N, C-alpha and C. Protein backbone atom coordinates (compact mmCIF):
# COMPACT_ATOMS: atom_id res chain seq x y z
N UNK A 1 1.14 -1.25 0.04
CA UNK A 1 -0.09 0.32 0.41
C UNK A 1 0.84 1.42 -0.05
N UNK A 2 0.75 2.31 -0.86
CA UNK A 2 1.43 3.11 -0.78
C UNK A 2 0.68 4.54 -0.43
N UNK A 3 1.90 5.00 0.55
CA UNK A 3 1.55 6.05 1.92
C UNK A 3 0.36 7.38 1.27
N UNK A 4 -0.84 8.03 2.02
CA UNK A 4 -1.16 8.82 1.35
C UNK A 4 -0.84 10.17 1.82
N UNK A 5 -0.43 10.95 0.16
CA UNK A 5 -0.09 12.31 1.10
C UNK A 5 -0.63 13.36 0.76
N UNK A 6 -1.91 12.84 0.90
CA UNK A 6 -2.90 14.06 0.67
C UNK A 6 -3.03 14.35 2.16
N UNK A 7 -3.80 15.51 2.10
CA UNK A 7 -4.51 16.09 3.33
C UNK A 7 -5.87 16.12 3.12
N UNK A 8 -6.49 15.30 4.65
CA UNK A 8 -7.85 14.42 5.13
C UNK A 8 -8.32 15.28 6.17
N UNK A 9 -9.51 15.70 6.60
CA UNK A 9 -10.26 15.99 7.63
C UNK A 9 -10.24 14.43 8.25
N UNK A 10 -9.93 14.72 9.92
CA UNK A 10 -10.29 13.86 10.79
C UNK A 10 -11.10 14.32 11.68
N UNK A 11 -11.80 13.51 11.73
CA UNK A 11 -13.57 13.29 12.28
C UNK A 11 -12.79 13.07 13.97
N UNK A 12 -13.81 13.57 14.92
CA UNK A 12 -13.96 12.80 16.01
C UNK A 12 -14.73 12.21 16.68
N UNK A 13 -14.77 11.73 17.71
CA UNK A 13 -15.63 10.77 18.14
C UNK A 13 -16.38 11.53 19.46
N UNK A 14 -16.44 10.67 20.60
CA UNK A 14 -17.32 11.34 22.31
C UNK A 14 -15.98 12.19 22.33
N UNK A 15 -14.96 12.24 21.96
CA UNK A 15 -14.03 12.49 23.17
C UNK A 15 -14.26 14.57 22.87
N UNK A 16 -14.63 14.74 21.96
CA UNK A 16 -15.08 16.27 21.58
C UNK A 16 -15.71 16.59 22.27
N UNK A 17 -16.52 16.17 23.07
CA UNK A 17 -17.38 16.49 24.23
C UNK A 17 -17.01 15.81 25.59
N UNK A 18 -16.58 14.61 25.54
CA UNK A 18 -15.89 14.28 26.91
C UNK A 18 -14.90 14.44 27.56
N UNK A 19 -13.60 14.69 26.25
CA UNK A 19 -12.47 14.23 26.45
C UNK A 19 -11.75 12.96 26.17
N UNK A 20 -10.36 12.89 26.37
CA UNK A 20 -9.72 11.63 26.11
C UNK A 20 -10.10 10.95 27.22
N UNK A 21 -10.28 9.59 27.13
CA UNK A 21 -10.26 8.48 28.25
C UNK A 21 -9.43 7.30 27.99
N UNK A 22 -8.78 7.13 29.44
CA UNK A 22 -7.82 5.76 29.52
C UNK A 22 -8.47 4.77 30.12
N UNK A 23 -9.18 3.62 29.20
CA UNK A 23 -9.67 2.53 30.40
C UNK A 23 -8.65 1.78 31.31
N UNK A 24 -9.02 1.76 32.27
CA UNK A 24 -8.41 0.87 33.40
C UNK A 24 -7.55 -0.21 32.72
N UNK A 25 -7.88 -1.12 31.37
CA UNK A 25 -6.92 -1.77 31.07
C UNK A 25 -5.70 -1.42 30.05
N UNK A 26 -5.69 -0.17 30.16
CA UNK A 26 -4.58 0.38 29.41
C UNK A 26 -3.74 1.61 30.45
N UNK A 27 -4.23 1.08 31.19
CA UNK A 27 -2.94 1.74 32.74
C UNK A 27 -2.37 0.68 33.43
N UNK A 28 -1.13 0.74 33.15
CA UNK A 28 -0.04 -0.21 33.72
C UNK A 28 -0.29 -0.51 35.00
N UNK A 29 -0.32 -1.44 35.36
CA UNK A 29 -0.59 -1.78 37.20
C UNK A 29 -1.73 -1.80 37.40
N UNK A 30 -2.63 -1.85 36.14
CA UNK A 30 -3.93 -1.52 36.80
C UNK A 30 -5.09 -0.11 36.96
N UNK A 31 -6.42 -0.26 37.35
CA UNK A 31 -6.85 0.99 37.83
C UNK A 31 -5.80 1.87 38.84
N UNK A 32 -5.82 3.37 38.96
CA UNK A 32 -5.61 3.72 39.95
C UNK A 32 -6.32 4.46 40.96
N UNK A 33 -6.61 4.28 41.94
CA UNK A 33 -7.09 4.70 43.05
C UNK A 33 -6.48 5.96 43.38
N UNK A 34 -7.29 7.08 43.68
CA UNK A 34 -7.10 8.54 44.12
C UNK A 34 -8.15 8.95 45.19
N UNK A 35 -7.54 9.56 46.23
CA UNK A 35 -7.95 9.58 47.26
C UNK A 35 -8.36 11.23 47.31
N UNK A 36 -9.46 11.71 48.12
CA UNK A 36 -9.50 13.13 48.14
C UNK A 36 -8.25 14.29 48.72
N UNK A 37 -8.52 14.72 48.13
CA UNK A 37 -6.82 15.56 48.12
C UNK A 37 -5.80 15.68 47.74
N UNK A 38 -5.59 14.26 47.22
CA UNK A 38 -4.40 13.51 46.76
C UNK A 38 -4.16 13.75 45.15
N UNK A 39 -3.19 14.12 44.89
CA UNK A 39 -2.64 14.57 43.41
C UNK A 39 -1.42 13.15 43.16
N UNK A 40 -1.93 12.73 41.89
CA UNK A 40 -1.50 11.75 41.03
C UNK A 40 -0.97 12.10 40.08
N UNK A 41 0.43 12.26 39.63
CA UNK A 41 1.03 12.00 38.21
C UNK A 41 1.16 10.99 37.29
N UNK A 42 0.62 11.13 35.74
CA UNK A 42 0.64 10.09 35.07
C UNK A 42 1.62 10.16 34.12
N UNK A 43 2.42 9.56 33.49
CA UNK A 43 2.97 9.30 31.99
C UNK A 43 2.23 9.02 30.91
N UNK A 44 1.61 9.75 30.28
CA UNK A 44 0.48 9.12 28.91
C UNK A 44 1.53 8.91 27.67
N UNK A 45 1.26 7.87 27.42
CA UNK A 45 1.79 7.58 25.67
C UNK A 45 0.67 7.70 24.75
N UNK A 46 1.02 8.52 23.82
CA UNK A 46 -0.10 8.29 22.74
C UNK A 46 0.50 7.41 21.67
N UNK A 47 -0.40 6.98 20.84
CA UNK A 47 0.60 6.40 19.96
C UNK A 47 -0.34 6.78 18.56
N UNK A 48 0.31 7.89 17.72
CA UNK A 48 -0.30 8.35 17.21
C UNK A 48 -0.19 7.09 15.99
N UNK A 49 0.36 6.59 15.33
CA UNK A 49 0.29 5.65 14.11
C UNK A 49 -1.25 4.76 13.79
N UNK A 50 -1.61 4.42 15.54
CA UNK A 50 -2.68 3.37 15.79
C UNK A 50 -3.78 4.05 15.94
N UNK A 51 -3.83 4.95 16.09
CA UNK A 51 -4.85 6.27 16.89
C UNK A 51 -5.96 6.95 15.50
N UNK A 52 -5.41 6.70 14.40
CA UNK A 52 -6.12 7.22 13.21
C UNK A 52 -6.75 6.02 12.14
N UNK A 53 -8.09 6.40 12.24
CA UNK A 53 -8.75 4.58 11.39
C UNK A 53 -9.42 5.45 10.30
N UNK A 54 -8.86 4.34 9.24
CA UNK A 54 -9.81 4.84 7.67
C UNK A 54 -10.77 3.75 7.57
N UNK A 55 -11.81 4.56 7.90
CA UNK A 55 -13.38 3.95 7.54
C UNK A 55 -13.71 3.60 6.29
N UNK A 56 -14.56 2.44 6.29
CA UNK A 56 -15.12 2.20 5.58
C UNK A 56 -15.72 3.10 4.02
N UNK A 57 -16.13 4.26 4.60
CA UNK A 57 -16.43 5.67 3.43
C UNK A 57 -15.28 6.55 3.10
N UNK A 58 -14.17 5.69 3.29
CA UNK A 58 -13.15 6.31 2.80
C UNK A 58 -13.02 7.96 3.83
N UNK A 59 -13.30 8.25 5.02
CA UNK A 59 -12.74 9.45 6.16
C UNK A 59 -12.16 8.29 7.16
N UNK A 60 -11.50 9.07 7.69
CA UNK A 60 -10.53 9.24 8.64
C UNK A 60 -11.11 9.95 10.08
N UNK A 61 -10.87 9.05 11.00
CA UNK A 61 -11.54 9.25 12.51
C UNK A 61 -10.25 8.97 13.38
N UNK A 62 -10.50 9.78 14.77
CA UNK A 62 -9.07 9.66 15.13
C UNK A 62 -10.22 9.09 16.61
N UNK A 63 -9.39 7.82 16.72
CA UNK A 63 -9.60 6.69 17.89
C UNK A 63 -8.39 6.84 18.79
N UNK A 64 -8.25 7.77 19.83
CA UNK A 64 -7.18 7.91 20.43
C UNK A 64 -6.53 6.42 21.41
N UNK A 65 -5.26 5.95 21.04
CA UNK A 65 -4.76 4.91 21.54
C UNK A 65 -3.95 5.52 22.59
N UNK A 66 -4.22 5.09 24.05
CA UNK A 66 -3.58 5.68 24.97
C UNK A 66 -3.03 4.76 25.82
N UNK A 67 -1.59 4.78 26.50
CA UNK A 67 -1.42 4.01 27.69
C UNK A 67 -0.71 5.27 28.68
N UNK A 68 -1.14 4.79 30.09
CA UNK A 68 -0.72 5.62 30.79
C UNK A 68 -0.01 4.68 32.24
N UNK A 69 0.90 5.33 32.88
CA UNK A 69 1.48 4.76 34.08
C UNK A 69 2.01 5.89 34.92
N UNK A 70 1.71 5.33 36.51
CA UNK A 70 1.90 6.44 37.25
C UNK A 70 3.17 6.66 37.46
N UNK A 71 3.39 7.89 37.71
CA UNK A 71 4.79 8.03 38.09
C UNK A 71 4.85 8.49 39.75
N UNK A 72 6.07 8.44 39.98
CA UNK A 72 6.11 8.77 41.30
C UNK A 72 6.51 10.50 41.93
N UNK A 73 5.81 10.98 42.89
CA UNK A 73 5.64 12.52 43.35
C UNK A 73 6.97 12.82 43.46
N UNK A 74 8.20 12.12 43.89
CA UNK A 74 9.61 12.70 44.13
C UNK A 74 9.89 13.19 42.81
N UNK A 75 11.22 14.05 43.00
CA UNK A 75 11.68 14.41 41.80
C UNK A 75 12.87 14.02 40.99
N UNK A 76 12.72 12.61 41.08
CA UNK A 76 13.72 11.68 40.30
C UNK A 76 13.52 12.12 38.95
N UNK A 77 14.66 11.91 38.07
CA UNK A 77 14.67 12.36 36.93
C UNK A 77 15.92 12.01 36.37
N UNK A 78 16.39 12.17 34.96
CA UNK A 78 17.42 11.91 34.33
C UNK A 78 17.87 13.41 33.45
N UNK A 79 18.60 13.90 33.88
CA UNK A 79 19.10 15.27 32.98
C UNK A 79 20.57 14.86 32.13
N UNK A 80 21.21 15.86 31.52
CA UNK A 80 22.39 16.23 31.18
C UNK A 80 22.32 16.85 29.71
N UNK A 81 23.71 16.94 29.37
CA UNK A 81 24.59 17.26 28.15
C UNK A 81 24.81 16.56 26.86
N UNK A 82 24.68 16.73 26.00
CA UNK A 82 25.28 16.08 24.83
C UNK A 82 26.48 16.74 24.00
N UNK A 83 27.47 16.12 24.06
CA UNK A 83 28.71 16.94 23.91
C UNK A 83 29.65 16.51 22.94
N UNK A 84 30.31 16.74 21.95
CA UNK A 84 31.38 15.54 21.14
C UNK A 84 32.41 15.39 21.74
N UNK A 85 32.94 14.24 21.90
CA UNK A 85 33.96 13.89 22.47
C UNK A 85 35.32 14.46 22.03
N UNK A 86 36.23 14.47 22.42
CA UNK A 86 37.11 15.16 22.52
C UNK A 86 37.10 17.13 22.46
N UNK A 87 36.14 17.54 21.80
CA UNK A 87 36.05 18.90 22.13
C UNK A 87 35.50 19.75 23.07
N UNK A 88 34.37 18.41 23.56
CA UNK A 88 33.57 18.84 24.51
C UNK A 88 32.74 19.73 24.22
N UNK A 89 32.40 20.22 23.07
CA UNK A 89 31.67 20.92 22.80
C UNK A 89 30.31 20.58 22.21
N UNK A 90 29.06 21.48 22.53
CA UNK A 90 27.79 20.55 21.57
C UNK A 90 27.82 20.45 20.38
N UNK A 91 26.96 19.41 19.68
CA UNK A 91 26.75 19.04 18.49
C UNK A 91 26.15 20.32 17.76
N UNK A 92 26.44 20.85 16.75
CA UNK A 92 26.13 22.54 16.09
C UNK A 92 25.58 22.39 14.77
N UNK A 93 24.67 23.06 14.46
CA UNK A 93 23.91 22.98 13.11
C UNK A 93 22.93 21.23 12.64
N UNK A 94 22.46 20.83 13.67
CA UNK A 94 21.80 19.70 13.42
C UNK A 94 20.69 19.51 14.64
N UNK A 95 20.41 18.06 14.74
CA UNK A 95 19.34 17.43 15.70
C UNK A 95 20.09 16.63 16.59
N UNK A 96 19.97 16.48 17.79
CA UNK A 96 20.28 15.93 18.74
C UNK A 96 18.60 15.04 19.72
N UNK A 97 18.79 13.83 19.62
CA UNK A 97 17.55 12.99 19.85
C UNK A 97 17.68 12.41 21.24
N UNK A 98 17.16 12.43 22.20
CA UNK A 98 17.47 11.71 23.51
C UNK A 98 16.93 10.82 23.77
N UNK A 99 16.50 9.51 24.09
CA UNK A 99 15.67 8.54 24.66
C UNK A 99 15.69 7.81 25.80
N UNK A 100 14.96 7.19 26.33
CA UNK A 100 14.84 6.40 27.65
C UNK A 100 14.25 5.08 27.30
N UNK A 101 15.35 3.85 27.12
CA UNK A 101 14.66 2.84 27.15
C UNK A 101 14.73 1.99 27.92
N UNK A 102 13.77 0.81 28.04
CA UNK A 102 13.79 -0.01 29.14
C UNK A 102 13.16 -1.34 29.14
N UNK A 103 13.54 -2.46 29.60
CA UNK A 103 13.11 -3.58 29.00
C UNK A 103 11.39 -4.01 29.49
N UNK A 104 10.69 -4.58 28.26
CA UNK A 104 9.74 -5.34 28.44
C UNK A 104 9.24 -6.03 29.08
N UNK A 105 8.10 -6.83 29.47
CA UNK A 105 7.93 -7.82 29.52
C UNK A 105 8.75 -9.25 28.82
N UNK A 106 8.82 -8.98 27.88
CA UNK A 106 10.10 -10.23 26.93
C UNK A 106 11.43 -10.16 27.04
N UNK A 107 11.86 -9.10 27.75
CA UNK A 107 13.16 -8.64 27.61
C UNK A 107 13.72 -8.09 26.99
N UNK A 108 12.81 -7.05 25.64
CA UNK A 108 13.36 -6.39 24.48
C UNK A 108 13.51 -4.59 24.82
N UNK A 109 14.03 -4.54 24.33
CA UNK A 109 14.65 -2.96 24.84
C UNK A 109 13.47 -2.19 24.21
N UNK A 110 12.64 -1.30 24.85
CA UNK A 110 11.45 -0.14 23.82
C UNK A 110 11.73 1.14 24.67
N UNK A 111 11.52 2.48 23.64
CA UNK A 111 11.28 3.30 24.12
C UNK A 111 10.44 3.74 25.32
N UNK A 112 10.85 4.20 26.17
CA UNK A 112 9.75 4.39 27.47
C UNK A 112 9.15 6.10 27.12
N UNK A 113 10.56 6.99 26.62
CA UNK A 113 10.34 8.57 26.39
C UNK A 113 11.37 8.94 25.68
N UNK A 114 11.20 9.84 24.85
CA UNK A 114 11.97 10.87 24.06
C UNK A 114 11.86 12.01 23.72
N UNK A 115 12.72 12.96 24.06
CA UNK A 115 13.05 14.03 23.62
C UNK A 115 14.21 14.77 22.98
N UNK A 116 13.88 16.04 22.45
CA UNK A 116 15.10 16.66 21.57
C UNK A 116 15.75 17.84 22.20
N UNK A 117 17.14 17.55 22.28
CA UNK A 117 17.85 18.37 23.34
C UNK A 117 17.91 19.70 22.61
N UNK A 118 18.23 20.62 23.98
CA UNK A 118 18.04 22.42 22.78
C UNK A 118 19.81 22.54 22.37
N UNK A 119 19.60 23.78 22.08
CA UNK A 119 20.64 23.75 20.98
C UNK A 119 22.29 23.99 21.50
N UNK A 120 22.10 23.97 22.67
CA UNK A 120 23.46 23.67 24.01
C UNK A 120 23.37 22.04 24.10
N UNK A 121 22.64 21.01 23.95
CA UNK A 121 22.91 19.62 24.15
C UNK A 121 21.92 19.11 25.18
N UNK A 122 21.24 20.31 25.73
CA UNK A 122 20.67 19.80 27.49
C UNK A 122 19.55 19.37 26.89
N UNK A 123 18.96 18.28 27.97
CA UNK A 123 17.96 17.24 27.85
C UNK A 123 17.53 17.15 29.50
N UNK A 124 16.23 16.59 29.60
CA UNK A 124 15.88 16.74 30.75
C UNK A 124 14.39 15.69 30.73
N UNK A 125 14.32 14.71 31.49
CA UNK A 125 12.85 13.48 31.81
C UNK A 125 12.98 13.70 33.14
N UNK A 126 11.60 14.68 33.58
CA UNK A 126 11.25 14.41 34.53
C UNK A 126 9.85 14.39 34.58
N UNK A 127 8.89 13.68 35.48
CA UNK A 127 9.49 12.76 36.63
C UNK A 127 9.34 11.40 36.35
N UNK A 128 10.50 10.06 36.72
CA UNK A 128 9.87 9.29 36.18
C UNK A 128 10.13 8.19 37.45
N UNK A 129 9.42 7.23 36.99
CA UNK A 129 9.25 6.04 38.39
C UNK A 129 10.16 5.95 39.04
N UNK A 130 9.96 5.71 40.28
CA UNK A 130 11.35 5.75 41.32
C UNK A 130 11.36 4.27 41.24
N UNK A 131 12.98 3.96 41.30
CA UNK A 131 13.79 2.81 41.41
C UNK A 131 13.31 2.12 39.97
N UNK A 132 13.20 2.60 38.82
CA UNK A 132 13.11 2.22 37.64
C UNK A 132 14.66 2.22 36.82
N UNK A 133 15.00 1.08 36.36
CA UNK A 133 16.01 1.23 35.53
C UNK A 133 16.12 1.63 34.04
N UNK A 134 16.78 2.69 33.65
CA UNK A 134 16.66 3.13 32.29
C UNK A 134 18.04 2.99 31.22
N UNK A 135 18.29 2.60 30.11
CA UNK A 135 19.03 3.12 29.18
C UNK A 135 19.05 4.67 28.61
N UNK A 136 20.18 5.66 28.57
CA UNK A 136 20.13 6.70 27.56
C UNK A 136 20.77 6.55 26.36
N UNK A 137 19.63 6.81 25.40
CA UNK A 137 20.40 6.37 24.06
C UNK A 137 20.38 7.87 23.17
N UNK A 138 21.63 7.99 22.78
CA UNK A 138 21.69 9.55 21.66
C UNK A 138 21.43 8.86 20.40
N UNK A 139 20.91 9.68 19.66
CA UNK A 139 20.94 10.01 18.36
C UNK A 139 21.18 11.26 17.81
N UNK A 140 22.36 11.59 16.87
CA UNK A 140 22.80 13.23 16.42
C UNK A 140 23.03 13.15 15.33
N UNK A 141 22.52 14.06 14.56
CA UNK A 141 23.13 14.39 13.21
C UNK A 141 23.58 15.92 13.11
N UNK A 142 24.79 15.87 12.87
CA UNK A 142 25.50 17.91 12.72
C UNK A 142 24.75 18.19 11.56
N UNK A 143 25.30 19.49 12.01
CA UNK A 143 24.77 20.36 10.72
C UNK A 143 25.87 20.00 9.38
N UNK A 144 26.81 19.47 9.37
CA UNK A 144 27.52 18.59 7.73
C UNK A 144 27.08 17.03 7.37
N UNK A 145 26.10 16.45 8.46
CA UNK A 145 25.21 15.71 7.25
C UNK A 145 26.12 14.42 8.41
N UNK A 146 27.23 14.36 9.30
CA UNK A 146 27.63 13.05 10.61
C UNK A 146 26.63 13.02 11.46
N UNK A 147 26.58 11.72 11.39
CA UNK A 147 25.94 10.94 12.52
C UNK A 147 26.44 10.25 13.69
N UNK A 148 25.66 10.70 14.64
CA UNK A 148 26.48 9.84 16.20
C UNK A 148 25.35 9.27 16.63
N UNK A 149 25.97 8.06 17.11
CA UNK A 149 24.99 7.12 17.91
C UNK A 149 25.81 6.63 19.39
N UNK A 150 24.94 6.84 20.58
CA UNK A 150 25.45 6.37 21.82
C UNK A 150 25.04 5.86 22.75
N UNK A 151 24.81 4.92 23.32
CA UNK A 151 23.87 4.71 24.53
C UNK A 151 25.03 4.47 25.95
N UNK A 152 23.92 5.25 26.92
CA UNK A 152 24.81 5.24 28.25
C UNK A 152 23.96 4.37 29.00
N UNK A 153 24.58 3.23 29.55
CA UNK A 153 24.06 2.24 30.00
C UNK A 153 24.92 2.05 31.32
N UNK A 154 24.56 0.93 32.11
CA UNK A 154 25.60 0.23 33.52
C UNK A 154 26.67 -0.10 32.64
N UNK A 155 27.89 0.20 33.24
CA UNK A 155 29.30 -0.67 32.94
C UNK A 155 28.78 -2.38 33.00
N UNK A 156 28.96 -3.01 32.06
CA UNK A 156 28.66 -4.79 32.10
C UNK A 156 30.28 -5.06 31.58
N UNK A 157 30.16 -6.55 32.13
CA UNK A 157 31.38 -7.09 31.71
C UNK A 157 31.12 -7.93 30.47
N UNK A 158 32.26 -7.99 29.77
CA UNK A 158 32.01 -8.51 28.38
C UNK A 158 31.47 -8.00 27.18
N UNK A 159 31.00 -8.47 26.24
CA UNK A 159 30.02 -8.19 25.15
C UNK A 159 28.67 -7.71 25.57
N UNK A 160 28.53 -6.53 25.22
CA UNK A 160 27.00 -5.85 25.49
C UNK A 160 26.00 -6.49 24.07
N UNK A 161 25.66 -7.21 23.82
CA UNK A 161 24.49 -7.81 23.23
C UNK A 161 23.24 -7.50 23.34
N UNK A 162 22.45 -7.10 21.98
CA UNK A 162 21.25 -6.48 22.09
C UNK A 162 20.65 -6.72 20.91
N UNK A 163 18.94 -6.63 20.61
CA UNK A 163 18.65 -7.46 19.41
C UNK A 163 17.21 -6.10 19.25
N UNK A 164 16.95 -6.34 18.04
CA UNK A 164 15.94 -5.20 17.59
C UNK A 164 14.80 -6.09 17.58
N UNK A 165 13.64 -5.44 17.26
CA UNK A 165 12.06 -5.89 16.97
C UNK A 165 11.27 -5.01 16.21
N UNK A 166 10.78 -5.55 15.62
CA UNK A 166 9.91 -4.82 14.63
C UNK A 166 8.16 -5.07 14.09
N UNK A 167 7.40 -4.76 14.45
CA UNK A 167 6.19 -4.72 14.80
C UNK A 167 5.38 -4.65 13.18
N UNK A 168 4.36 -5.23 12.49
CA UNK A 168 4.14 -4.79 11.32
C UNK A 168 2.43 -4.99 11.43
N UNK A 169 1.81 -3.76 11.20
CA UNK A 169 0.69 -3.39 11.22
C UNK A 169 -0.42 -2.66 10.03
N UNK A 170 -1.29 -2.98 10.07
CA UNK A 170 -2.18 -2.43 8.55
C UNK A 170 -2.07 -1.02 9.25
N UNK A 171 -1.29 -0.01 7.71
CA UNK A 171 -1.73 1.38 8.20
C UNK A 171 -3.30 1.97 8.55
N UNK A 172 -3.79 2.99 9.10
CA UNK A 172 -4.83 3.20 9.60
C UNK A 172 -5.82 2.35 10.02
N UNK A 173 -5.18 1.52 10.56
CA UNK A 173 -6.35 0.65 10.71
C UNK A 173 -6.67 0.20 12.44
N UNK A 174 -5.82 1.50 13.37
CA UNK A 174 -6.19 1.46 14.47
C UNK A 174 -5.03 -0.01 15.44
N UNK A 175 -4.15 0.00 14.51
CA UNK A 175 -3.00 -1.02 15.06
C UNK A 175 -3.58 -2.45 14.83
N UNK A 176 -4.41 -2.73 13.89
CA UNK A 176 -4.54 -3.96 13.41
C UNK A 176 -2.87 -4.92 13.00
N UNK A 177 -2.82 -6.34 13.56
CA UNK A 177 -1.57 -6.46 12.91
C UNK A 177 -1.58 -6.80 11.58
N UNK A 178 -0.41 -6.78 11.03
CA UNK A 178 -0.18 -7.47 9.49
C UNK A 178 0.65 -8.48 9.48
N UNK A 179 0.92 -9.43 8.40
CA UNK A 179 2.33 -10.18 7.96
C UNK A 179 1.79 -11.34 8.83
N UNK A 180 2.76 -12.49 8.87
CA UNK A 180 2.42 -13.63 9.22
C UNK A 180 4.25 -14.27 9.43
N UNK A 181 4.97 -13.93 10.72
CA UNK A 181 4.23 -13.25 11.74
C UNK A 181 4.37 -11.94 11.92
N UNK A 182 3.73 -11.26 12.59
CA UNK A 182 3.35 -9.88 12.72
C UNK A 182 4.89 -9.04 13.33
N UNK A 183 5.54 -10.12 13.91
CA UNK A 183 6.41 -9.40 14.97
C UNK A 183 7.76 -10.20 14.66
N UNK A 184 8.98 -9.29 14.56
CA UNK A 184 10.14 -10.04 13.86
C UNK A 184 11.19 -9.54 14.88
N UNK A 185 12.19 -10.66 15.49
CA UNK A 185 13.44 -9.86 16.14
C UNK A 185 14.66 -10.57 15.36
N UNK A 186 15.64 -9.47 15.10
CA UNK A 186 16.68 -9.78 14.91
C UNK A 186 18.00 -9.22 15.67
N UNK A 187 19.03 -10.54 15.55
CA UNK A 187 19.98 -10.12 16.94
C UNK A 187 21.63 -10.20 16.19
N UNK A 188 21.52 -9.98 14.70
CA UNK A 188 22.67 -9.81 14.03
C UNK A 188 22.84 -8.43 13.06
N UNK A 189 24.04 -8.27 12.87
CA UNK A 189 24.57 -7.28 11.94
C UNK A 189 24.25 -7.42 10.70
N UNK A 190 24.46 -6.67 9.33
CA UNK A 190 24.96 -6.85 7.78
C UNK A 190 25.79 -8.19 7.59
N UNK A 191 26.24 -8.25 8.21
CA UNK A 191 27.41 -9.23 8.44
C UNK A 191 26.99 -10.28 8.87
N UNK A 192 25.85 -10.56 9.46
CA UNK A 192 25.79 -11.79 10.15
C UNK A 192 26.26 -12.11 11.40
N UNK A 193 26.88 -10.89 11.85
CA UNK A 193 27.64 -10.89 13.29
C UNK A 193 26.65 -11.16 14.43
N UNK A 194 26.66 -11.11 15.68
CA UNK A 194 26.02 -10.75 16.63
C UNK A 194 25.70 -9.05 17.06
N UNK A 195 24.84 -8.63 17.27
CA UNK A 195 25.00 -6.95 17.41
C UNK A 195 25.48 -6.91 18.80
N UNK A 196 26.33 -6.18 18.47
CA UNK A 196 27.32 -5.72 19.77
C UNK A 196 26.81 -3.97 20.04
N UNK A 197 27.04 -3.65 21.21
CA UNK A 197 27.11 -2.18 21.44
C UNK A 197 28.97 -1.97 21.76
N UNK A 198 29.48 -1.28 20.12
CA UNK A 198 30.76 -0.95 20.24
C UNK A 198 30.76 0.57 20.01
N UNK A 199 32.02 1.05 20.62
CA UNK A 199 32.22 2.25 20.06
C UNK A 199 32.85 2.22 18.44
N UNK A 200 32.45 3.79 18.40
CA UNK A 200 33.20 4.24 17.27
C UNK A 200 31.35 4.34 16.03
N UNK A 201 31.95 3.89 14.71
CA UNK A 201 30.39 4.55 13.92
C UNK A 201 29.36 3.41 14.16
N UNK A 202 27.99 4.16 13.36
CA UNK A 202 27.23 3.25 13.65
C UNK A 202 27.20 1.76 12.93
N UNK A 203 26.45 1.04 13.81
CA UNK A 203 26.35 -0.50 13.33
C UNK A 203 25.21 -0.46 12.29
N UNK A 204 25.09 -1.36 11.08
CA UNK A 204 24.27 -1.43 10.55
C UNK A 204 23.21 -3.19 11.05
N UNK A 205 22.12 -3.21 11.30
CA UNK A 205 21.51 -4.31 11.76
C UNK A 205 21.35 -4.89 10.50
N UNK A 206 20.78 -6.17 10.17
CA UNK A 206 20.39 -7.02 9.24
C UNK A 206 18.92 -6.63 8.84
N UNK A 207 18.54 -6.45 7.65
CA UNK A 207 17.35 -6.12 7.29
C UNK A 207 16.25 -6.95 7.34
N UNK A 208 15.52 -6.62 8.12
CA UNK A 208 14.14 -7.14 8.37
C UNK A 208 13.02 -7.08 7.31
N UNK A 209 13.05 -8.47 6.96
CA UNK A 209 11.58 -8.58 5.79
C UNK A 209 10.30 -9.06 6.60
N UNK A 210 9.35 -8.58 6.41
CA UNK A 210 8.11 -9.26 6.46
C UNK A 210 7.87 -10.25 5.14
N UNK A 211 6.95 -11.49 5.59
CA UNK A 211 5.93 -12.09 4.80
C UNK A 211 4.84 -12.18 4.83
N UNK A 212 3.97 -12.87 4.51
CA UNK A 212 2.49 -12.87 4.12
C UNK A 212 1.79 -11.80 4.36
N UNK A 213 2.18 -10.76 4.38
CA UNK A 213 1.59 -9.04 4.45
C UNK A 213 -0.01 -8.85 3.47
N UNK A 214 -0.76 -8.67 4.03
CA UNK A 214 -1.77 -8.16 3.22
C UNK A 214 -1.75 -6.67 1.99
């Protein structure tokens, strides 16, 4: 299916009058109880790709797919500055993306939160769940088109291996899975070597191909 680059009107449903709703089943850890006078902070993830539905009449409708997780009321967070090694100067004239990753129930690293660093390379994630462990992943492209990639994690002994997972779904379907199987994980680079976190230039992973897609 070729991407549709034209502009369409996006229809709303009940959220136009009632606001956005997050069912208890889409809250990590289940329903949240809020006592009188108590404040609760939520980290809400909005899945934009799965939230736009192509209806049978050719119109598009917004059906928000949201996930929420309660965060602690303390001041735990992660902040820092991205600079070039050697010069210790911010990456200029480009874009610096910083993401927090943590493992899901299958042991696969997934993005928990991401942000764009400012012109000085500064970034800040606050507030985060108390006691949680994250990897800080930085992807940057400077004004000359040079790409940088780094992962800041706790020191480990031996090789640090990782894998990449890709999920396939039908465009504009609200997240309906596609292909057989609909999820594929690879742990090799383009040369069929194990994926390792190594210093130096970016590592090119093996191409991910799906079959049996509609």
